């Protein structure tokens, strides 16, 4: 199962789940946080740009990238309501 996380608060919840693959934008995961999670054994990938979920094109591009790396996995996307 692959999770695309759009907000830091959701990351806190998803890392509690066993065996998940996590993708997040730079707005959710700093380089330091990313390295710390990797060191702890989490399967987490960080985009080098923000992914908010508000811009549909940005979200679709992120999903295509994830599909390239995980072609047989279901992708769960955190819902992001507009402010």
Protein backbone atom coordinates (compact mmCIF):
# COMPACT_ATOMS: atom_id res chain seq x y z
CA UNK A 1 0.00 0.00 0.00
CA UNK A 2 1.36 3.42 -0.97
CA UNK A 3 0.28 6.61 0.77
CA UNK A 4 0.69 10.09 -0.69
CA UNK A 5 0.72 12.40 2.31
CA UNK A 6 -0.20 16.05 1.84
CA UNK A 7 0.04 17.38 5.40
CA UNK A 8 2.50 16.78 8.26
CA UNK A 9 -0.31 15.85 10.67
CA UNK A 10 -1.27 12.92 8.44
CA UNK A 11 2.33 11.72 8.31
CA UNK A 12 2.27 11.25 12.07
CA UNK A 13 -0.70 8.88 11.67
CA UNK A 14 0.51 6.94 8.64
CA UNK A 15 3.93 6.08 10.06
CA UNK A 16 2.07 4.13 12.76
CA UNK A 17 0.82 1.68 10.11
CA UNK A 18 2.98 -1.39 9.48
CA UNK A 19 4.56 -2.02 6.09
CA UNK A 20 3.37 1.06 4.25
CA UNK A 21 5.19 3.01 1.57
CA UNK A 22 5.03 6.76 2.12
CA UNK A 23 5.51 9.56 -0.39
CA UNK A 24 5.37 13.23 0.58
CA UNK A 25 6.29 16.63 -0.77
CA UNK A 26 8.92 18.97 0.60
CA UNK A 27 6.15 20.90 2.36
CA UNK A 28 5.47 17.84 4.55
CA UNK A 29 8.90 16.32 4.93
CA UNK A 30 12.14 18.24 5.38
CA UNK A 31 15.38 16.67 4.20
CA UNK A 32 16.35 16.08 7.83
CA UNK A 33 13.02 14.44 8.72
CA UNK A 34 13.30 12.28 5.61
CA UNK A 35 16.79 11.08 6.57
CA UNK A 36 15.65 10.37 10.14
CA UNK A 37 12.70 8.26 8.95
CA UNK A 38 14.91 6.34 6.52
CA UNK A 39 17.39 5.67 9.32
CA UNK A 40 14.55 4.26 11.41
CA UNK A 41 13.64 1.85 8.60
CA UNK A 42 10.59 3.57 7.13
CA UNK A 43 9.97 3.24 3.39
CA UNK A 44 9.53 6.93 2.67
CA UNK A 45 10.24 9.01 -0.43
CA UNK A 46 10.40 12.80 -0.51
CA UNK A 47 9.56 14.90 -3.55
CA UNK A 48 11.97 17.83 -3.84
CA UNK A 49 9.01 20.18 -4.33
CA UNK A 50 5.78 20.77 -2.39
CA UNK A 51 2.68 18.69 -3.09
CA UNK A 52 -0.44 20.34 -1.67
CA UNK A 53 -3.19 18.45 -3.46
CA UNK A 54 -4.97 21.70 -4.27
CA UNK A 55 -3.49 21.95 -7.77
CA UNK A 56 -4.86 19.03 -9.79
CA UNK A 57 -2.00 19.01 -12.30
CA UNK A 58 0.57 18.90 -9.48
CA UNK A 59 -1.29 16.01 -7.86
CA UNK A 60 -1.61 14.05 -11.12
CA UNK A 61 2.12 14.48 -11.81
CA UNK A 62 2.92 13.15 -8.32
CA UNK A 63 0.63 10.16 -8.83
CA UNK A 64 2.24 9.34 -12.18
CA UNK A 65 5.67 9.39 -10.57
CA UNK A 66 4.51 7.09 -7.79
CA UNK A 67 2.91 4.72 -10.33
CA UNK A 68 6.23 4.48 -12.18
CA UNK A 69 7.90 3.25 -8.98
CA UNK A 70 5.01 1.11 -7.66
CA UNK A 71 3.05 -0.04 -10.75
CA UNK A 72 1.09 -2.81 -9.02
CA UNK A 73 0.28 -1.00 -5.76
CA UNK A 74 -2.85 0.85 -4.77
CA UNK A 75 -2.18 4.50 -3.98
CA UNK A 76 -4.04 6.20 -1.16
CA UNK A 77 -4.09 9.99 -1.30
CA UNK A 78 -4.80 12.12 1.72
CA UNK A 79 -7.77 14.37 1.06
CA UNK A 80 -6.85 18.04 1.23
CA UNK A 81 -9.69 20.45 1.71
CA UNK A 82 -9.23 23.92 0.33
CA UNK A 83 -8.51 26.61 2.93
